[in-house]
Amino acid sequence: MHKTLQVGDKATRRRTFTETDVHQFADLSGDHNPVHLDAEFAAGTQFKARIVHGMLVGSLFTGILGEDLPGSGSIYMTQNLNFKAPVYLDQEVIATVEITNIREGKGIVSLTTNVTDNTGKVLVQGEAVLFVPWLKS
């Protein structure tokens, strides 16, 4: 049985990305940019320290959307991401999705997708559209 969805419904996950996470993502994605992996190199950048891959941070939405809201069986149609500020290794972040529109009878759900730090500063801002087959009538 699938849950009822409403505009304004939210789901949130917290995550801290570790050294291991960043190295595994670098290997999986093939992105070995030294700003993610080399502390000495990163110290000389505008970030002053190593940062987590933006797409690794963005991947938080996959878990929320596929497991929590809308949930199992939903399928990505689009996702856009605007990277507003860096995420550093061992920094706790909060990923939140919120339903902004439901196309009745079409099974299409639009959501805002945001990552913030513990102070509420927006680090990643975006929108997603998903096909939710169990909503289609």
C-alpha atoms as a PDB file:
ATOM      1  CA  MET A   1       0.000   0.000   0.000  1.00  0.00           C
ATOM      2  CA  HIS A   2       1.341   3.420  -0.934  1.00  0.00           C
ATOM      3  CA  LYS A   3       0.948   6.551   1.125  1.00  0.00           C
ATOM      4  CA  THR A   4      -1.093   9.586   0.201  1.00  0.00           C
ATOM      5  CA  LEU A   5       1.019  12.508  -0.977  1.00  0.00           C
ATOM      6  CA  GLN A   6       0.225  16.190  -0.487  1.00  0.00           C
ATOM      7  CA  VAL A   7       1.844  19.467  -1.468  1.00  0.00           C
ATOM      8  CA  GLY A   8       4.000  20.511   1.483  1.00  0.00           C
ATOM      9  CA  ASP A   9       5.003  16.973   2.495  1.00  0.00           C
ATOM     10  CA  LYS A  10       8.698  16.874   3.471  1.00  0.00           C
ATOM     11  CA  ALA A  11      11.373  14.290   4.131  1.00  0.00           C
ATOM     12  CA  THR A  12      14.837  14.881   5.543  1.00  0.00           C
ATOM     13  CA  ARG A  13      18.079  12.970   6.002  1.00  0.00           C
ATOM     14  CA  ARG A  14      21.257  13.980   7.790  1.00  0.00           C
ATOM     15  CA  ARG A  15      24.682  12.866   6.623  1.00  0.00           C
ATOM     16  CA  THR A  16      28.346  13.454   7.312  1.00  0.00           C
ATOM     17  CA  PHE A  17      30.652  12.547   4.423  1.00  0.00           C
ATOM     18  CA  THR A  18      33.886  10.880   5.486  1.00  0.00           C
ATOM     19  CA  GLU A  19      37.309  10.375   3.986  1.00  0.00           C
ATOM     20  CA  THR A  20      36.249   6.879   2.906  1.00  0.00           C
ATOM     21  CA  ASP A  21      33.069   8.177   1.251  1.00  0.00           C
ATOM     22  CA  VAL A  22      35.009  10.723  -0.806  1.00  0.00           C
ATOM     23  CA  HIS A  23      37.646   8.192  -1.923  1.00  0.00           C
ATOM     24  CA  GLN A  24      35.008   5.609  -2.848  1.00  0.00           C
ATOM     25  CA  PHE A  25      33.049   8.176  -4.839  1.00  0.00           C
ATOM     26  CA  ALA A  26      36.217   9.326  -6.609  1.00  0.00           C
ATOM     27  CA  ASP A  27      36.897   5.734  -7.643  1.00  0.00           C
ATOM     28  CA  LEU A  28      33.299   5.043  -8.676  1.00  0.00           C
ATOM     29  CA  SER A  29      32.886   8.278 -10.629  1.00  0.00           C
ATOM     30  CA  GLY A  30      36.419   8.601 -11.961  1.00  0.00           C
ATOM     31  CA  ASP A  31      36.609  12.149 -10.550  1.00  0.00           C
ATOM     32  CA  HIS A  32      39.991  12.349  -8.837  1.00  0.00           C
ATOM     33  CA  ASN A  33      40.127  16.169  -8.744  1.00  0.00           C
ATOM     34  CA  PRO A  34      42.716  17.061  -6.088  1.00  0.00           C
ATOM     35  CA  VAL A  35      40.364  19.585  -4.453  1.00  0.00           C
ATOM     36  CA  HIS A  36      38.573  16.486  -3.105  1.00  0.00           C
ATOM     37  CA  LEU A  37      41.562  14.249  -2.373  1.00  0.00           C
ATOM     38  CA  ASP A  38      44.704  16.301  -1.712  1.00  0.00           C
ATOM     39  CA  ALA A  39      44.729  18.445   1.440  1.00  0.00           C
ATOM     40  CA  GLU A  40      47.806  20.420   0.388  1.00  0.00           C
ATOM     41  CA  PHE A  41      46.317  21.247  -3.011  1.00  0.00           C
ATOM     42  CA  ALA A  42      42.908  22.120  -1.510  1.00  0.00           C
ATOM     43  CA  ALA A  43      44.544  24.434   1.055  1.00  0.00           C
ATOM     44  CA  GLY A  44      45.665  26.635  -1.840  1.00  0.00           C
ATOM     45  CA  THR A  45      42.153  26.979  -3.290  1.00  0.00           C
ATOM     46  CA  GLN A  46      39.359  29.382  -2.367  1.00  0.00           C
ATOM     47  CA  PHE A  47      37.924  26.587  -0.190  1.00  0.00           C
ATOM     48  CA  LYS A  48      41.078  26.328   2.021  1.00  0.00           C
ATOM     49  CA  ALA A  49      40.366  22.629   2.651  1.00  0.00           C
ATOM     50  CA  ARG A  50      39.175  19.515   0.851  1.00  0.00           C
ATOM     51  CA  ILE A  51      35.546  19.520  -0.255  1.00  0.00           C
ATOM     52  CA  VAL A  52      33.078  16.735  -0.950  1.00  0.00           C
ATOM     53  CA  HIS A  53      32.169  16.102  -4.597  1.00  0.00           C
ATOM     54  CA  GLY A  54      29.024  18.068  -5.428  1.00  0.00           C
ATOM     55  CA  MET A  55      27.384  15.082  -7.058  1.00  0.00           C
ATOM     56  CA  LEU A  56      28.073  12.947  -3.987  1.00  0.00           C
ATOM     57  CA  VAL A  57      26.213  15.522  -1.920  1.00  0.00           C
ATOM     58  CA  GLY A  58      23.449  15.606  -4.544  1.00  0.00           C
ATOM     59  CA  SER A  59      23.125  11.842  -4.318  1.00  0.00           C
ATOM     60  CA  LEU A  60      21.454  12.285  -0.929  1.00  0.00           C
ATOM     61  CA  PHE A  61      18.283  13.072  -2.840  1.00  0.00           C
ATOM     62  CA  THR A  62      18.255   9.658  -4.518  1.00  0.00           C
ATOM     63  CA  GLY A  63      17.846   7.916  -1.174  1.00  0.00           C
ATOM     64  CA  ILE A  64      15.182  10.284   0.089  1.00  0.00           C
ATOM     65  CA  LEU A  65      13.145  10.271  -3.117  1.00  0.00           C
ATOM     66  CA  GLY A  66      13.417   6.537  -3.715  1.00  0.00           C
ATOM     67  CA  GLU A  67      12.832   5.424  -0.136  1.00  0.00           C
ATOM     68  CA  ASP A  68      11.007   8.149   1.800  1.00  0.00           C
ATOM     69  CA  LEU A  69       9.150  10.672  -0.363  1.00  0.00           C
ATOM     70  CA  PRO A  70       7.518   9.914  -2.752  1.00  0.00           C
ATOM     71  CA  GLY A  71       9.018   6.493  -2.007  1.00  0.00           C
ATOM     72  CA  SER A  72       9.475   3.061  -3.492  1.00  0.00           C
ATOM     73  CA  GLY A  73       8.709   2.789  -7.193  1.00  0.00           C
ATOM     74  CA  SER A  74       9.135   6.486  -7.971  1.00  0.00           C
ATOM     75  CA  ILE A  75      11.371   7.287 -10.936  1.00  0.00           C
ATOM     76  CA  TYR A  76      13.481  10.382 -11.572  1.00  0.00           C
ATOM     77  CA  MET A  77      12.484  12.449 -14.603  1.00  0.00           C
ATOM     78  CA  THR A  78      14.622  15.540 -13.931  1.00  0.00           C
ATOM     79  CA  GLN A  79      16.883  17.005 -11.267  1.00  0.00           C
ATOM     80  CA  ASN A  80      18.683  20.320 -11.248  1.00  0.00           C
ATOM     81  CA  LEU A  81      21.233  21.364  -8.668  1.00  0.00           C
ATOM     82  CA  ASN A  82      22.757  24.737  -7.873  1.00  0.00           C
ATOM     83  CA  PHE A  83      25.867  24.497  -5.722  1.00  0.00           C
ATOM     84  CA  LYS A  84      25.768  27.537  -3.425  1.00  0.00           C
ATOM     85  CA  ALA A  85      28.556  26.711  -0.957  1.00  0.00           C
ATOM     86  CA  PRO A  86      31.032  23.880  -0.409  1.00  0.00           C
ATOM     87  CA  VAL A  87      30.472  20.833   1.746  1.00  0.00           C
ATOM     88  CA  TYR A  88      33.579  19.866   3.701  1.00  0.00           C
ATOM     89  CA  LEU A  89      34.611  16.414   4.838  1.00  0.00           C
ATOM     90  CA  ASP A  90      33.188  15.520   8.261  1.00  0.00           C
ATOM     91  CA  GLN A  91      30.621  18.352   8.082  1.00  0.00           C
ATOM     92  CA  GLU A  92      27.068  17.291   8.924  1.00  0.00           C
ATOM     93  CA  VAL A  93      24.543  18.324   6.281  1.00  0.00           C
ATOM     94  CA  ILE A  94      20.774  18.088   6.118  1.00  0.00           C
ATOM     95  CA  ALA A  95      19.088  17.132   2.845  1.00  0.00           C
ATOM     96  CA  THR A  96      15.405  18.021   2.550  1.00  0.00           C
ATOM     97  CA  VAL A  97      12.855  17.451  -0.173  1.00  0.00           C
ATOM     98  CA  GLU A  98       9.424  19.055  -0.248  1.00  0.00           C
ATOM     99  CA  ILE A  99       6.534  18.388  -2.601  1.00  0.00           C
ATOM    100  CA  THR A 100       5.574  21.561  -4.478  1.00  0.00           C
ATOM    101  CA  ASN A 101       3.179  20.161  -7.085  1.00  0.00           C
ATOM    102  CA  ILE A 102       1.282  16.965  -7.865  1.00  0.00           C
ATOM    103  CA  ARG A 103      -0.140  16.515 -11.341  1.00  0.00           C
ATOM    104  CA  GLU A 104      -3.302  14.626 -10.559  1.00  0.00           C
ATOM    105  CA  GLY A 105      -3.944  11.635 -12.784  1.00  0.00           C
ATOM    106  CA  LYS A 106      -0.481  11.889 -14.358  1.00  0.00           C
ATOM    107  CA  GLY A 107       1.610  10.508 -11.520  1.00  0.00           C
ATOM    108  CA  ILE A 108       4.067  13.399 -11.752  1.00  0.00           C
ATOM    109  CA  VAL A 109       5.378  15.016  -8.577  1.00  0.00           C
ATOM    110  CA  SER A 110       7.598  18.130  -8.366  1.00  0.00           C
ATOM    111  CA  LEU A 111       9.766  18.808  -5.330  1.00  0.00           C
ATOM    112  CA  THR A 112      12.314  21.283  -4.051  1.00  0.00           C
ATOM    113  CA  THR A 113      15.610  19.641  -3.103  1.00  0.00           C
ATOM    114  CA  ASN A 114      17.927  21.435  -0.682  1.00  0.00           C
ATOM    115  CA  VAL A 115      21.001  20.691   1.386  1.00  0.00           C
ATOM    116  CA  THR A 116      21.791  22.941   4.340  1.00  0.00           C
ATOM    117  CA  ASP A 117      24.323  22.982   7.134  1.00  0.00           C
ATOM    118  CA  ASN A 118      23.467  22.958  10.846  1.00  0.00           C
ATOM    119  CA  THR A 119      22.951  26.728  10.828  1.00  0.00           C
ATOM    120  CA  GLY A 120      20.438  26.597   7.979  1.00  0.00           C
ATOM    121  CA  LYS A 121      22.842  27.944   5.347  1.00  0.00           C
ATOM    122  CA  VAL A 122      21.848  26.624   1.911  1.00  0.00           C
ATOM    123  CA  LEU A 123      24.678  24.623   0.346  1.00  0.00           C
ATOM    124  CA  VAL A 124      22.814  22.988  -2.547  1.00  0.00           C
ATOM    125  CA  GLN A 125      19.491  24.102  -3.982  1.00  0.00           C
ATOM    126  CA  GLY A 126      17.463  22.392  -6.660  1.00  0.00           C
ATOM    127  CA  GLU A 127      14.271  20.895  -7.952  1.00  0.00           C
ATOM    128  CA  ALA A 128      13.272  17.385  -8.952  1.00  0.00           C
ATOM    129  CA  VAL A 129      10.417  15.909 -10.964  1.00  0.00           C
ATOM    130  CA  LEU A 130       9.499  12.270 -10.473  1.00  0.00           C
ATOM    131  CA  PHE A 131       7.075   9.859 -12.057  1.00  0.00           C
ATOM    132  CA  VAL A 132       5.166   8.074  -9.320  1.00  0.00           C
ATOM    133  CA  PRO A 133       3.378   5.165 -11.041  1.00  0.00           C
ATOM    134  CA  TRP A 134       1.114   4.390  -8.105  1.00  0.00           C
ATOM    135  CA  LEU A 135      -0.365   7.917  -8.278  1.00  0.00           C
ATOM    136  CA  LYS A 136      -1.393   7.587 -11.902  1.00  0.00           C
ATOM    137  CA  SER A 137      -5.086   6.815 -12.328  1.00  0.00           C
END
